Protein backbone atom coordinates (compact mmCIF):
# COMPACT_ATOMS: atom_id res chain seq x y z
CA MET A 1 40.06 106.62 47.58
CA GLY A 2 41.17 110.21 46.98
CA ASN A 3 41.68 113.04 49.39
CA ARG A 4 39.81 112.56 52.66
CA SER A 5 39.09 116.08 53.90
CA ALA A 6 37.26 116.61 57.16
CA ILE A 7 35.84 119.54 59.07
CA TYR A 8 35.71 119.85 62.84
CA ALA A 9 33.33 122.68 63.65
CA GLY A 10 32.48 124.34 66.91
CA THR A 11 32.45 127.44 69.01
CA PHE A 12 35.73 126.61 70.79
CA ASP A 13 35.13 129.19 73.53
CA PRO A 14 37.83 128.35 74.51
CA VAL A 15 39.58 125.44 72.84
CA THR A 16 40.23 122.71 75.42
CA ASN A 17 42.54 119.72 75.69
CA GLY A 18 39.50 117.62 74.79
CA HIS A 19 39.10 119.52 71.51
CA LEU A 20 42.80 119.12 70.78
CA ASP A 21 42.58 115.38 71.41
CA ILE A 22 39.75 115.07 68.87
CA ILE A 23 41.75 117.15 66.36
CA SER A 24 44.89 115.07 66.92
CA ARG A 25 43.03 111.78 66.53
CA GLY A 26 41.20 113.10 63.47
CA ALA A 27 44.50 114.13 61.91
CA LYS A 28 45.55 110.47 62.01
CA LEU A 29 42.37 109.40 60.21
CA PHE A 30 42.05 112.06 57.52
CA ASP A 31 44.36 113.73 55.01
CA ASP A 32 43.50 117.21 56.23
CA ILE A 33 41.24 118.85 58.76
CA THR A 34 39.64 122.25 58.56
CA ILE A 35 38.83 123.54 62.03
CA ALA A 36 35.80 125.75 61.52
CA VAL A 37 35.17 128.30 64.27
CA SER A 38 31.60 129.55 64.38
CA GLU A 39 31.09 133.30 64.19
CA GLU A 40 27.44 132.92 65.17
CA GLY A 41 25.37 131.42 67.92
CA ARG A 42 25.36 131.93 71.62
CA SER A 43 27.25 134.77 73.22
CA THR A 44 30.89 133.94 73.77
CA LEU A 45 33.61 135.07 76.15
CA PHE A 46 36.06 135.45 73.26
CA ASP A 47 35.19 136.89 69.85
CA TYR A 48 35.78 134.64 66.87
CA GLU A 49 39.11 136.30 65.96
CA GLU A 50 40.43 135.56 69.47
CA ARG A 51 39.14 131.98 69.28
CA ILE A 52 40.79 131.48 65.88
CA ALA A 53 44.09 132.82 67.23
CA MET A 54 43.95 130.57 70.31
CA ILE A 55 43.11 127.40 68.41
CA THR A 56 45.74 128.16 65.76
CA GLU A 57 48.41 128.63 68.45
CA ALA A 58 47.26 125.50 70.29
CA VAL A 59 47.34 123.33 67.13
CA ILE A 60 50.79 124.64 66.17
CA SER A 61 52.22 124.16 69.67
CA SER A 62 50.75 120.63 69.74
CA SER A 63 52.42 119.84 66.38
CA ILE A 64 49.19 118.54 64.86
CA PRO A 65 49.73 118.21 61.10
CA ASN A 66 47.48 119.00 58.15
CA CYS A 67 45.15 121.45 59.92
CA LYS A 68 43.92 124.88 59.00
CA VAL A 69 41.65 127.13 61.03
CA VAL A 70 38.85 129.17 59.47
CA SER A 71 35.72 130.96 60.61
CA PHE A 72 32.27 130.18 59.32
CA LYS A 73 28.69 131.42 59.36
CA GLY A 74 25.55 129.60 58.41
CA LEU A 75 25.12 125.92 57.69
CA LEU A 76 27.99 123.52 58.25
CA VAL A 77 27.19 121.70 55.00
CA ASP A 78 27.73 124.94 53.06
CA THR A 79 31.11 125.41 54.71
CA MET A 80 31.96 121.80 53.96
CA ARG A 81 31.22 122.37 50.27
CA GLU A 82 33.33 125.54 50.31
CA TYR A 83 36.34 123.64 51.70
CA GLN A 84 35.63 120.45 49.70
CA ALA A 85 35.21 118.36 52.83
CA THR A 86 32.81 115.42 52.96
CA ILE A 87 33.40 114.34 56.56
CA ALA A 88 32.19 116.16 59.66
CA ILE A 89 34.16 115.19 62.75
CA ARG A 90 32.27 115.42 66.01
CA GLY A 91 33.46 114.76 69.54
CA VAL A 92 31.14 113.23 72.12
CA ARG A 93 31.56 113.10 75.91
CA SER A 94 28.25 111.56 76.99
CA ALA A 95 25.17 109.61 75.88
CA ALA A 96 23.13 112.84 75.87
CA GLU A 97 25.61 114.44 73.48
CA LEU A 98 25.53 111.33 71.29
CA TYR A 99 21.77 111.72 70.83
CA ASP A 100 22.17 115.39 69.87
CA GLU A 101 25.00 114.57 67.46
CA GLN A 102 22.91 111.83 65.85
CA GLN A 103 20.19 114.36 65.11
CA MET A 104 22.71 116.81 63.68
CA ALA A 105 24.33 114.09 61.54
CA LEU A 106 20.97 113.04 60.14
CA MET A 107 20.02 116.63 59.34
CA ASN A 108 23.36 117.27 57.63
CA SER A 109 22.95 114.12 55.52
CA ILE A 110 19.50 115.29 54.44
CA LEU A 111 20.84 118.75 53.55
CA ASP A 112 23.75 117.22 51.60
CA SER A 113 23.85 113.51 50.78
CA ASN A 114 27.65 113.67 50.31
CA VAL A 115 28.23 114.50 53.98
CA GLU A 116 29.25 111.77 56.42
CA SER A 117 29.65 112.31 60.15
CA VAL A 118 32.35 110.59 62.16
CA ILE A 119 31.89 110.55 65.92
CA LEU A 120 34.99 110.32 68.10
CA PHE A 121 34.36 109.55 71.73
CA ALA A 122 36.25 111.53 74.35
CA LYS A 123 38.98 109.75 76.21
CA PRO A 124 37.78 109.03 79.76
CA SER A 125 40.46 111.31 81.22
CA LEU A 126 39.13 114.22 79.12
CA SER A 127 35.40 113.48 79.16
CA MET A 128 34.60 115.88 82.00
CA ILE A 129 36.19 118.88 80.27
CA SER A 130 33.79 121.37 78.75
CA ALA A 131 34.45 124.93 77.65
CA SER A 132 31.75 126.22 80.00
CA LEU A 133 33.31 124.48 83.03
CA VAL A 134 36.75 125.76 82.02
CA ARG A 135 35.40 129.32 81.84
CA GLU A 136 33.92 128.91 85.33
CA VAL A 137 37.18 127.58 86.80
CA ALA A 138 39.03 130.49 85.18
CA ARG A 139 36.49 133.01 86.48
CA CYS A 140 37.12 131.73 90.00
CA GLY A 141 40.92 131.87 89.54
CA GLY A 142 41.43 128.09 89.44
CA GLU A 143 44.28 126.11 87.91
CA LEU A 144 43.66 125.32 84.23
CA THR A 145 46.71 123.37 83.03
CA GLU A 146 44.92 120.00 82.98
CA PHE A 147 42.06 121.39 80.91
CA VAL A 148 43.49 123.77 78.30
CA PRO A 149 46.80 124.52 76.57
CA VAL A 150 49.08 127.00 78.35
CA CYS A 151 48.41 129.71 75.73
CA VAL A 152 44.66 129.42 76.40
CA ALA A 153 45.08 129.42 80.18
CA LYS A 154 46.98 132.72 79.93
CA LYS A 155 44.21 134.30 77.81
CA LEU A 156 41.53 133.07 80.22
CA HIS A 157 43.34 134.37 83.30
CA SER A 158 43.92 137.76 81.67
CA LYS A 159 40.25 137.93 80.64
CA PHE A 160 39.16 137.45 84.25
CA ALA A 161 41.96 139.47 85.89
């Protein structure tokens, strides 16, 4: 079957325990995973260098094998070609997200017929975690240990100190 390389792309502002669960489960399915951190898009709390550093530390501290973290701009399919990945991993927490991911998967397959999307559903215990809610809890000084790795919680608390 050959090397099964996948990409898990996102903003990761910040990386959450939900993201890490998708990465960990993906690492069991694929030979290697490139975690692609978007440099573009909506405004973020952390710049892409900070997000890369946080996700790298979180993946290392979680002992998830066969992962590398990179930044990307532009189309995901172009980044997938660059890293010789044919599988786009996506995590879904709700039916609304599933619809959006279906549209994205169809567009990516039109842009590059070699691209397949694999949807991993969030574990129920992690399905309520979103980066935007985590940022709000951090802004209000709330406890974050159930939602993000310790290294990320420290960065969030210092950002809002």
